C-alpha atoms as a PDB file:
ATOM      1  CA  MET A   1     -61.612  31.410 -40.384  1.00  0.00           C
ATOM      2  CA  THR A   2     -60.713  29.422 -37.279  1.00  0.00           C
ATOM      3  CA  PRO A   3     -62.554  26.068 -37.141  1.00  0.00           C
ATOM      4  CA  ARG A   4     -64.737  25.246 -34.184  1.00  0.00           C
ATOM      5  CA  PRO A   5     -63.586  22.598 -31.681  1.00  0.00           C
ATOM      6  CA  ARG A   6     -65.489  19.322 -31.668  1.00  0.00           C
ATOM      7  CA  LYS A   7     -66.547  17.816 -28.354  1.00  0.00           C
ATOM      8  CA  SER A   8     -66.762  14.394 -29.997  1.00  0.00           C
ATOM      9  CA  LEU A   9     -62.954  14.504 -30.229  1.00  0.00           C
ATOM     10  CA  ALA A  10     -62.540  16.064 -26.766  1.00  0.00           C
ATOM     11  CA  GLN A  11     -61.206  19.274 -28.292  1.00  0.00           C
ATOM     12  CA  TYR A  12     -60.758  22.055 -25.743  1.00  0.00           C
ATOM     13  CA  TRP A  13     -58.442  24.781 -26.976  1.00  0.00           C
ATOM     14  CA  LEU A  14     -56.354  26.746 -24.550  1.00  0.00           C
ATOM     15  CA  LYS A  15     -56.837  30.480 -25.024  1.00  0.00           C
ATOM     16  CA  ARG A  16     -55.005  32.036 -22.037  1.00  0.00           C
ATOM     17  CA  GLU A  17     -51.794  33.634 -23.283  1.00  0.00           C
ATOM     18  CA  ASP A  18     -50.143  33.622 -19.849  1.00  0.00           C
ATOM     19  CA  ILE A  19     -50.620  29.860 -19.494  1.00  0.00           C
ATOM     20  CA  LEU A  20     -49.380  29.223 -23.029  1.00  0.00           C
ATOM     21  CA  GLN A  21     -46.267  31.141 -22.066  1.00  0.00           C
ATOM     22  CA  LYS A  22     -45.824  29.072 -18.890  1.00  0.00           C
ATOM     23  CA  ILE A  23     -45.975  25.893 -20.977  1.00  0.00           C
ATOM     24  CA  ILE A  24     -43.233  27.236 -23.236  1.00  0.00           C
ATOM     25  CA  GLU A  25     -41.103  28.235 -20.255  1.00  0.00           C
ATOM     26  CA  ALA A  26     -41.491  24.764 -18.704  1.00  0.00           C
ATOM     27  CA  ALA A  27     -40.249  23.161 -21.928  1.00  0.00           C
ATOM     28  CA  GLU A  28     -36.952  25.080 -21.648  1.00  0.00           C
ATOM     29  CA  LEU A  29     -36.683  25.235 -25.434  1.00  0.00           C
ATOM     30  CA  LYS A  30     -33.424  25.669 -27.301  1.00  0.00           C
ATOM     31  CA  THR A  31     -32.921  26.469 -30.981  1.00  0.00           C
ATOM     32  CA  THR A  32     -31.466  22.970 -31.427  1.00  0.00           C
ATOM     33  CA  ASP A  33     -34.595  21.257 -30.053  1.00  0.00           C
ATOM     34  CA  SER A  34     -37.054  19.274 -32.122  1.00  0.00           C
ATOM     35  CA  VAL A  35     -40.533  19.075 -30.582  1.00  0.00           C
ATOM     36  CA  LEU A  36     -43.455  16.684 -30.900  1.00  0.00           C
ATOM     37  CA  GLU A  37     -46.794  18.453 -30.433  1.00  0.00           C
ATOM     38  CA  ILE A  38     -49.824  16.199 -29.980  1.00  0.00           C
ATOM     39  CA  GLY A  39     -53.189  17.598 -31.031  1.00  0.00           C
ATOM     40  CA  PRO A  40     -52.269  21.127 -32.174  1.00  0.00           C
ATOM     41  CA  GLY A  41     -55.954  21.962 -32.693  1.00  0.00           C
ATOM     42  CA  ALA A  42     -56.235  25.592 -33.761  1.00  0.00           C
ATOM     43  CA  GLY A  43     -52.472  26.077 -33.416  1.00  0.00           C
ATOM     44  CA  ASN A  44     -52.561  28.288 -30.315  1.00  0.00           C
ATOM     45  CA  LEU A  45     -49.537  26.533 -28.818  1.00  0.00           C
ATOM     46  CA  THR A  46     -47.954  25.859 -32.210  1.00  0.00           C
ATOM     47  CA  ARG A  47     -47.373  29.551 -32.879  1.00  0.00           C
ATOM     48  CA  TYR A  48     -45.328  29.824 -29.672  1.00  0.00           C
ATOM     49  CA  LEU A  49     -43.278  26.709 -30.422  1.00  0.00           C
ATOM     50  CA  LEU A  50     -42.345  27.214 -34.067  1.00  0.00           C
ATOM     51  CA  PRO A  51     -40.097  30.288 -33.781  1.00  0.00           C
ATOM     52  CA  GLN A  52     -38.016  28.731 -31.001  1.00  0.00           C
ATOM     53  CA  VAL A  53     -37.074  25.274 -32.279  1.00  0.00           C
ATOM     54  CA  GLN A  54     -35.221  23.507 -35.061  1.00  0.00           C
ATOM     55  CA  GLY A  55     -38.224  21.339 -35.913  1.00  0.00           C
ATOM     56  CA  LEU A  56     -41.868  20.916 -34.910  1.00  0.00           C
ATOM     57  CA  LEU A  57     -43.715  17.681 -35.674  1.00  0.00           C
ATOM     58  CA  ALA A  58     -47.454  18.173 -35.100  1.00  0.00           C
ATOM     59  CA  VAL A  59     -49.709  15.095 -34.985  1.00  0.00           C
ATOM     60  CA  GLU A  60     -53.412  15.851 -35.418  1.00  0.00           C
ATOM     61  CA  LEU A  61     -56.208  13.262 -35.504  1.00  0.00           C
ATOM     62  CA  ASP A  62     -58.937  15.574 -36.847  1.00  0.00           C
ATOM     63  CA  GLN A  63     -58.632  15.587 -40.637  1.00  0.00           C
ATOM     64  CA  GLU A  64     -60.856  18.677 -40.826  1.00  0.00           C
ATOM     65  CA  LEU A  65     -58.124  20.693 -39.086  1.00  0.00           C
ATOM     66  CA  ILE A  66     -55.358  19.659 -41.489  1.00  0.00           C
ATOM     67  CA  PRO A  67     -56.120  22.233 -44.254  1.00  0.00           C
ATOM     68  CA  PHE A  68     -56.386  25.006 -41.657  1.00  0.00           C
ATOM     69  CA  LEU A  69     -53.067  24.099 -40.026  1.00  0.00           C
ATOM     70  CA  HIS A  70     -51.349  23.713 -43.410  1.00  0.00           C
ATOM     71  CA  LYS A  71     -52.575  27.141 -44.466  1.00  0.00           C
ATOM     72  CA  LYS A  72     -51.505  28.720 -41.198  1.00  0.00           C
ATOM     73  CA  TYR A  73     -48.109  27.076 -40.687  1.00  0.00           C
ATOM     74  CA  GLY A  74     -47.324  24.996 -43.786  1.00  0.00           C
ATOM     75  CA  HIS A  75     -45.031  27.682 -45.186  1.00  0.00           C
ATOM     76  CA  HIS A  76     -42.716  27.369 -42.205  1.00  0.00           C
ATOM     77  CA  PRO A  77     -39.631  25.290 -43.156  1.00  0.00           C
ATOM     78  CA  HIS A  78     -39.429  23.648 -39.711  1.00  0.00           C
ATOM     79  CA  PHE A  79     -43.082  22.531 -39.559  1.00  0.00           C
ATOM     80  CA  TRP A  80     -44.192  18.954 -40.306  1.00  0.00           C
ATOM     81  CA  LEU A  81     -47.858  17.983 -39.918  1.00  0.00           C
ATOM     82  CA  ILE A  82     -49.112  14.384 -39.773  1.00  0.00           C
ATOM     83  CA  GLN A  83     -52.786  13.418 -39.738  1.00  0.00           C
ATOM     84  CA  LYS A  84     -52.936  10.314 -37.538  1.00  0.00           C
ATOM     85  CA  ASP A  85     -53.893   8.950 -34.132  1.00  0.00           C
ATOM     86  CA  ILE A  86     -50.801   9.483 -31.976  1.00  0.00           C
ATOM     87  CA  LEU A  87     -51.354   6.151 -30.212  1.00  0.00           C
ATOM     88  CA  THR A  88     -50.979   4.275 -33.504  1.00  0.00           C
ATOM     89  CA  LEU A  89     -48.165   6.421 -34.907  1.00  0.00           C
ATOM     90  CA  ASP A  90     -44.928   4.543 -35.603  1.00  0.00           C
ATOM     91  CA  LEU A  91     -42.675   7.518 -34.979  1.00  0.00           C
ATOM     92  CA  PRO A  92     -39.364   5.862 -35.984  1.00  0.00           C
ATOM     93  CA  ALA A  93     -40.939   4.712 -39.275  1.00  0.00           C
ATOM     94  CA  GLU A  94     -42.286   8.207 -40.003  1.00  0.00           C
ATOM     95  CA  LEU A  95     -38.873   9.712 -39.318  1.00  0.00           C
ATOM     96  CA  ARG A  96     -37.217   7.238 -41.682  1.00  0.00           C
ATOM     97  CA  GLN A  97     -39.537   8.484 -44.433  1.00  0.00           C
ATOM     98  CA  ASN A  98     -38.437  12.059 -43.786  1.00  0.00           C
ATOM     99  CA  PRO A  99     -34.741  11.737 -42.889  1.00  0.00           C
ATOM    100  CA  PRO A 100     -33.911  15.468 -42.949  1.00  0.00           C
ATOM    101  CA  PHE A 101     -36.337  16.129 -40.091  1.00  0.00           C
ATOM    102  CA  PRO A 102     -34.598  16.073 -36.689  1.00  0.00           C
ATOM    103  CA  PRO A 103     -36.031  13.386 -34.356  1.00  0.00           C
ATOM    104  CA  PRO A 104     -38.068  15.040 -31.575  1.00  0.00           C
ATOM    105  CA  ASN A 105     -36.255  15.255 -28.259  1.00  0.00           C
ATOM    106  CA  LYS A 106     -39.102  17.000 -26.390  1.00  0.00           C
ATOM    107  CA  VAL A 107     -42.892  16.761 -26.228  1.00  0.00           C
ATOM    108  CA  VAL A 108     -45.138  19.760 -25.590  1.00  0.00           C
ATOM    109  CA  ALA A 109     -48.895  19.271 -25.828  1.00  0.00           C
ATOM    110  CA  ASN A 110     -52.428  20.032 -24.667  1.00  0.00           C
ATOM    111  CA  ILE A 111     -53.700  16.465 -24.845  1.00  0.00           C
ATOM    112  CA  PRO A 112     -57.199  14.926 -24.962  1.00  0.00           C
ATOM    113  CA  TYR A 113     -57.894  13.777 -21.416  1.00  0.00           C
ATOM    114  CA  HIS A 114     -59.403  10.419 -22.380  1.00  0.00           C
ATOM    115  CA  ILE A 115     -56.065   9.167 -23.766  1.00  0.00           C
ATOM    116  CA  THR A 116     -53.860  10.351 -20.881  1.00  0.00           C
ATOM    117  CA  GLY A 117     -53.021   6.862 -19.591  1.00  0.00           C
ATOM    118  CA  PRO A 118     -52.179   5.257 -22.949  1.00  0.00           C
ATOM    119  CA  LEU A 119     -50.333   8.391 -24.008  1.00  0.00           C
ATOM    120  CA  LEU A 120     -48.108   8.366 -20.926  1.00  0.00           C
ATOM    121  CA  HIS A 121     -47.220   4.782 -21.788  1.00  0.00           C
ATOM    122  CA  TYR A 122     -46.578   5.762 -25.423  1.00  0.00           C
ATOM    123  CA  LEU A 123     -44.252   8.599 -24.413  1.00  0.00           C
ATOM    124  CA  LEU A 124     -42.515   7.147 -21.350  1.00  0.00           C
ATOM    125  CA  GLY A 125     -42.840   3.372 -21.564  1.00  0.00           C
ATOM    126  CA  SER A 126     -43.362   1.474 -18.306  1.00  0.00           C
ATOM    127  CA  PRO A 127     -41.236  -0.078 -15.551  1.00  0.00           C
ATOM    128  CA  SER A 128     -41.352  -3.375 -17.441  1.00  0.00           C
ATOM    129  CA  ARG A 129     -40.611  -1.740 -20.815  1.00  0.00           C
ATOM    130  CA  PRO A 130     -38.890   1.655 -20.408  1.00  0.00           C
ATOM    131  CA  TRP A 131     -37.824   3.306 -23.650  1.00  0.00           C
ATOM    132  CA  PRO A 132     -34.054   3.026 -24.259  1.00  0.00           C
ATOM    133  CA  SER A 133     -33.869   6.580 -25.675  1.00  0.00           C
ATOM    134  CA  PRO A 134     -36.619   8.571 -23.977  1.00  0.00           C
ATOM    135  CA  PHE A 135     -37.584  12.177 -24.632  1.00  0.00           C
ATOM    136  CA  GLU A 136     -35.543  14.693 -22.641  1.00  0.00           C
ATOM    137  CA  ARG A 137     -38.634  16.522 -21.404  1.00  0.00           C
ATOM    138  CA  VAL A 138     -42.400  16.045 -21.674  1.00  0.00           C
ATOM    139  CA  VAL A 139     -44.669  18.999 -20.874  1.00  0.00           C
ATOM    140  CA  LEU A 140     -48.375  18.145 -20.859  1.00  0.00           C
ATOM    141  CA  LEU A 141     -51.609  19.907 -20.036  1.00  0.00           C
ATOM    142  CA  VAL A 142     -53.736  17.268 -18.306  1.00  0.00           C
ATOM    143  CA  GLN A 143     -56.781  16.961 -16.089  1.00  0.00           C
ATOM    144  CA  LYS A 144     -55.982  18.333 -12.640  1.00  0.00           C
ATOM    145  CA  GLU A 145     -56.897  15.106 -10.863  1.00  0.00           C
ATOM    146  CA  VAL A 146     -54.384  13.186 -12.980  1.00  0.00           C
ATOM    147  CA  ALA A 147     -51.690  15.804 -12.386  1.00  0.00           C
ATOM    148  CA  GLN A 148     -52.268  15.478  -8.647  1.00  0.00           C
ATOM    149  CA  ARG A 149     -51.836  11.712  -8.800  1.00  0.00           C
ATOM    150  CA  LEU A 150     -48.694  11.910 -10.918  1.00  0.00           C
ATOM    151  CA  THR A 151     -46.980  14.432  -8.654  1.00  0.00           C
ATOM    152  CA  ALA A 152     -48.329  13.108  -5.327  1.00  0.00           C
ATOM    153  CA  GLN A 153     -45.893  12.512  -2.492  1.00  0.00           C
ATOM    154  CA  PRO A 154     -45.785   9.438  -0.239  1.00  0.00           C
ATOM    155  CA  GLY A 155     -48.238   9.718   2.632  1.00  0.00           C
ATOM    156  CA  SER A 156     -50.784  11.548   0.525  1.00  0.00           C
ATOM    157  CA  LYS A 157     -54.225  10.021   0.071  1.00  0.00           C
ATOM    158  CA  ILE A 158     -53.826  10.300  -3.712  1.00  0.00           C
ATOM    159  CA  PHE A 159     -50.374   8.692  -3.854  1.00  0.00           C
ATOM    160  CA  GLY A 160     -51.055   5.397  -5.618  1.00  0.00           C
ATOM    161  CA  ALA A 161     -49.867   2.757  -8.053  1.00  0.00           C
ATOM    162  CA  LEU A 162     -49.832   5.242 -10.953  1.00  0.00           C
ATOM    163  CA  SER A 163     -47.682   7.625  -8.889  1.00  0.00           C
ATOM    164  CA  VAL A 164     -45.154   4.878  -8.161  1.00  0.00           C
ATOM    165  CA  ARG A 165     -44.991   3.594 -11.754  1.00  0.00           C
ATOM    166  CA  ILE A 166     -44.539   7.010 -13.356  1.00  0.00           C
ATOM    167  CA  GLN A 167     -42.199   8.381 -10.686  1.00  0.00           C
ATOM    168  CA  TYR A 168     -39.985   5.337 -11.156  1.00  0.00           C
ATOM    169  CA  ILE A 169     -39.261   6.292 -14.769  1.00  0.00           C
ATOM    170  CA  ALA A 170     -39.603  10.090 -14.635  1.00  0.00           C
ATOM    171  CA  HIS A 171     -39.316  13.077 -12.346  1.00  0.00           C
ATOM    172  CA  CYS A 172     -42.791  14.661 -12.169  1.00  0.00           C
ATOM    173  CA  ALA A 173     -43.162  18.384 -11.484  1.00  0.00           C
ATOM    174  CA  TRP A 174     -46.229  20.590 -11.177  1.00  0.00           C
ATOM    175  CA  VAL A 175     -45.959  23.669 -13.409  1.00  0.00           C
ATOM    176  CA  CYS A 176     -49.222  25.565 -12.919  1.00  0.00           C
ATOM    177  CA  ASP A 177     -52.971  25.324 -12.401  1.00  0.00           C
ATOM    178  CA  VAL A 178     -55.234  25.841 -15.419  1.00  0.00           C
ATOM    179  CA  PRO A 179     -58.862  26.794 -14.653  1.00  0.00           C
ATOM    180  CA  ALA A 180     -61.675  25.583 -16.880  1.00  0.00           C
ATOM    181  CA  SER A 181     -62.259  29.194 -17.947  1.00  0.00           C
ATOM    182  CA  ALA A 182     -58.897  29.150 -19.773  1.00  0.00           C
ATOM    183  CA  PHE A 183     -60.354  26.943 -22.537  1.00  0.00           C
ATOM    184  CA  TYR A 184     -62.768  27.259 -25.419  1.00  0.00           C
ATOM    185  CA  PRO A 185     -65.188  25.630 -25.027  1.00  0.00           C
ATOM    186  CA  ARG A 186     -65.118  25.422 -21.257  1.00  0.00           C
ATOM    187  CA  PRO A 187     -64.623  21.847 -19.952  1.00  0.00           C
ATOM    188  CA  GLN A 188     -66.299  20.575 -16.803  1.00  0.00           C
ATOM    189  CA  VAL A 189     -63.016  20.028 -14.947  1.00  0.00           C
ATOM    190  CA  ASP A 190     -59.949  22.069 -14.056  1.00  0.00           C
ATOM    191  CA  SER A 191     -56.560  21.211 -15.486  1.00  0.00           C
ATOM    192  CA  ALA A 192     -52.869  21.584 -14.756  1.00  0.00           C
ATOM    193  CA  VAL A 193     -49.568  21.654 -16.593  1.00  0.00           C
ATOM    194  CA  ILE A 194     -46.997  19.061 -15.576  1.00  0.00           C
ATOM    195  CA  CYS A 195     -43.403  18.486 -16.614  1.00  0.00           C
ATOM    196  CA  LEU A 196     -42.069  14.920 -16.850  1.00  0.00           C
ATOM    197  CA  THR A 197     -38.323  14.387 -17.103  1.00  0.00           C
ATOM    198  CA  PRO A 198     -37.424  10.753 -17.898  1.00  0.00           C
ATOM    199  CA  ARG A 199     -34.488   9.566 -15.853  1.00  0.00           C
ATOM    200  CA  SER A 200     -32.220   6.621 -15.274  1.00  0.00           C
ATOM    201  CA  SER A 201     -33.732   4.838 -12.319  1.00  0.00           C
ATOM    202  CA  ASP A 202     -31.743   4.090  -9.191  1.00  0.00           C
ATOM    203  CA  PRO A 203     -32.289   1.512  -7.854  1.00  0.00           C
ATOM    204  CA  ILE A 204     -33.213  -0.497 -10.946  1.00  0.00           C
ATOM    205  CA  VAL A 205     -36.145  -2.892 -10.857  1.00  0.00           C
ATOM    206  CA  ARG A 206     -34.790  -6.412 -11.280  1.00  0.00           C
ATOM    207  CA  GLU A 207     -38.092  -8.065 -12.205  1.00  0.00           C
ATOM    208  CA  PRO A 208     -40.288  -5.315 -13.682  1.00  0.00           C
ATOM    209  CA  GLN A 209     -43.398  -7.417 -14.244  1.00  0.00           C
ATOM    210  CA  ARG A 210     -43.466  -8.619 -10.652  1.00  0.00           C
ATOM    211  CA  PHE A 211     -42.781  -5.066  -9.496  1.00  0.00           C
ATOM    212  CA  GLU A 212     -45.803  -3.732 -11.382  1.00  0.00           C
ATOM    213  CA  ARG A 213     -47.999  -6.556 -10.083  1.00  0.00           C
ATOM    214  CA  TRP A 214     -46.889  -6.163  -6.450  1.00  0.00           C
ATOM    215  CA  VAL A 215     -47.358  -2.384  -6.546  1.00  0.00           C
ATOM    216  CA  GLN A 216     -50.874  -2.835  -7.938  1.00  0.00           C
ATOM    217  CA  GLN A 217     -51.658  -5.411  -5.234  1.00  0.00           C
ATOM    218  CA  GLY A 218     -50.250  -3.155  -2.534  1.00  0.00           C
ATOM    219  CA  PHE A 219     -52.623  -0.343  -3.459  1.00  0.00           C
ATOM    220  CA  SER A 220     -55.596  -2.599  -4.210  1.00  0.00           C
ATOM    221  CA  GLN A 221     -57.027  -2.072  -0.711  1.00  0.00           C
ATOM    222  CA  ARG A 222     -55.661   1.240   0.486  1.00  0.00           C
ATOM    223  CA  ARG A 223     -57.082   1.085   4.005  1.00  0.00           C
ATOM    224  CA  LYS A 224     -55.312  -2.184   4.739  1.00  0.00           C
ATOM    225  CA  MET A 225     -51.726  -2.587   5.911  1.00  0.00           C
ATOM    226  CA  LEU A 226     -49.253  -3.797   3.319  1.00  0.00           C
ATOM    227  CA  ARG A 227     -48.813  -7.099   5.125  1.00  0.00           C
ATOM    228  CA  ASN A 228     -52.496  -7.800   4.406  1.00  0.00           C
ATOM    229  CA  THR A 229     -52.410  -6.928   0.707  1.00  0.00           C
ATOM    230  CA  LEU A 230     -49.177  -8.537  -0.500  1.00  0.00           C
ATOM    231  CA  PRO A 231     -49.160 -12.347  -0.727  1.00  0.00           C
ATOM    232  CA  VAL A 232     -45.982 -12.597   1.348  1.00  0.00           C
ATOM    233  CA  ALA A 233     -45.478 -14.325   4.684  1.00  0.00           C
ATOM    234  CA  PRO A 234     -44.990 -11.880   7.630  1.00  0.00           C
ATOM    235  CA  GLU A 235     -41.647 -13.514   8.534  1.00  0.00           C
ATOM    236  CA  ILE A 236     -40.354 -12.425   5.110  1.00  0.00           C
ATOM    237  CA  LEU A 237     -42.063  -9.054   4.720  1.00  0.00           C
ATOM    238  CA  THR A 238     -41.562  -7.619   8.211  1.00  0.00           C
ATOM    239  CA  PRO A 239     -37.726  -7.797   8.228  1.00  0.00           C
ATOM    240  CA  LEU A 240     -37.625  -6.264   4.733  1.00  0.00           C
ATOM    241  CA  LEU A 241     -39.791  -3.367   5.842  1.00  0.00           C
ATOM    242  CA  ALA A 242     -37.600  -2.886   8.915  1.00  0.00           C
ATOM    243  CA  GLN A 243     -34.490  -2.695   6.718  1.00  0.00           C
ATOM    244  CA  LEU A 244     -36.132   0.172   4.846  1.00  0.00           C
ATOM    245  CA  GLY A 245     -37.182   1.933   8.053  1.00  0.00           C
ATOM    246  CA  TYR A 246     -40.904   1.147   7.945  1.00  0.00           C
ATOM    247  CA  PRO A 247     -43.038  -0.418  10.689  1.00  0.00           C
ATOM    248  CA  GLU A 248     -44.854  -3.664  10.028  1.00  0.00           C
ATOM    249  CA  THR A 249     -48.138  -1.720  10.101  1.00  0.00           C
ATOM    250  CA  VAL A 250     -47.181   0.473   7.119  1.00  0.00           C
ATOM    251  CA  ARG A 251     -49.674   1.061   4.287  1.00  0.00           C
ATOM    252  CA  ALA A 252     -48.798   1.197   0.600  1.00  0.00           C
ATOM    253  CA  GLU A 253     -49.118   4.984   0.257  1.00  0.00           C
ATOM    254  CA  ALA A 254     -46.435   5.615   2.887  1.00  0.00           C
ATOM    255  CA  ILE A 255     -43.681   3.924   0.870  1.00  0.00           C
ATOM    256  CA  THR A 256     -41.665   6.031  -1.578  1.00  0.00           C
ATOM    257  CA  ALA A 257     -41.220   4.967  -5.203  1.00  0.00           C
ATOM    258  CA  PRO A 258     -37.498   4.106  -4.722  1.00  0.00           C
ATOM    259  CA  ASP A 259     -38.348   2.080  -1.609  1.00  0.00           C
ATOM    260  CA  TRP A 260     -41.042   0.224  -3.525  1.00  0.00           C
ATOM    261  CA  VAL A 261     -38.278  -0.799  -5.928  1.00  0.00           C
ATOM    262  CA  ARG A 262     -36.006  -1.897  -3.079  1.00  0.00           C
ATOM    263  CA  LEU A 263     -38.827  -3.799  -1.407  1.00  0.00           C
ATOM    264  CA  CYS A 264     -39.774  -5.638  -4.601  1.00  0.00           C
ATOM    265  CA  ASN A 265     -36.145  -6.417  -5.357  1.00  0.00           C
ATOM    266  CA  TYR A 266     -35.750  -7.911  -1.873  1.00  0.00           C
ATOM    267  CA  LEU A 267     -38.919  -9.941  -2.335  1.00  0.00           C
ATOM    268  CA  SER A 268     -37.634 -11.226  -5.670  1.00  0.00           C
ATOM    269  CA  GLU A 269     -34.523 -12.502  -3.893  1.00  0.00           C
ATOM    270  CA  GLN A 270     -36.517 -14.107  -1.113  1.00  0.00           C
ATOM    271  CA  LEU A 271     -39.158 -15.606  -3.429  1.00  0.00           C
ATOM    272  CA  PRO A 272     -37.204 -16.622  -6.551  1.00  0.00           C
ATOM    273  CA  ASP A 273     -39.421 -19.562  -7.413  1.00  0.00           C
ATOM    274  CA  LYS A 274     -42.824 -17.911  -6.925  1.00  0.00           C
ATOM    275  CA  PRO A 275     -44.626 -15.993  -9.685  1.00  0.00           C
END
């Protein structure tokens, strides 16, 4: 008997077969892949993943689901189930305890929405601390509003500090819309599937902590021009903006993620002694 999802753990299980298939297609799975699935729930996505990969590591917080998942998939030689909070999981340590299991190179998951921010940091790192060996591909089902922010383009009203930070370390692509009716039980918001491909950044941020702080300051008052949000003298900022092809009246959301890097690198050169 399939267990019932618990709202206390933000469990909403995807039931639409066509969307499950789109998630699998976005992951571009190969038989040599090892996948990390976060929150397998009732195993609706798990059953699509298992036949196509060399290994599937499923991390489930709800201990009541563990017996069900073991009974359903425990016989599969490529399946490894861990009962733990993904945000506290020391993945390298777990892998050392099970050396035959291939380290995951991809992530495919329908994640709890309330941990989206911390989970993105867990999977991708940050501009100040990018992971040296990131996952090749991360396919996530997230709240639609978050997906819009992650994939937003410069000039959009929803292009913000989160867009810049994530797009600096990963290419973000929209896969498909997911209506609330695709879940059991039905959530109060619509969702979307996104694909994140970590990449080597060019240009590279020279002072990541200052970069993150300046980006946050730039978007702190969206209606104001950048010259009024960054603590930089106009005689320094204006020529830098001109070099990048922006007018002195530009707002934060009009600047692309790579140009934010260039701008902050220039500012670091011009203001070497200021925090």
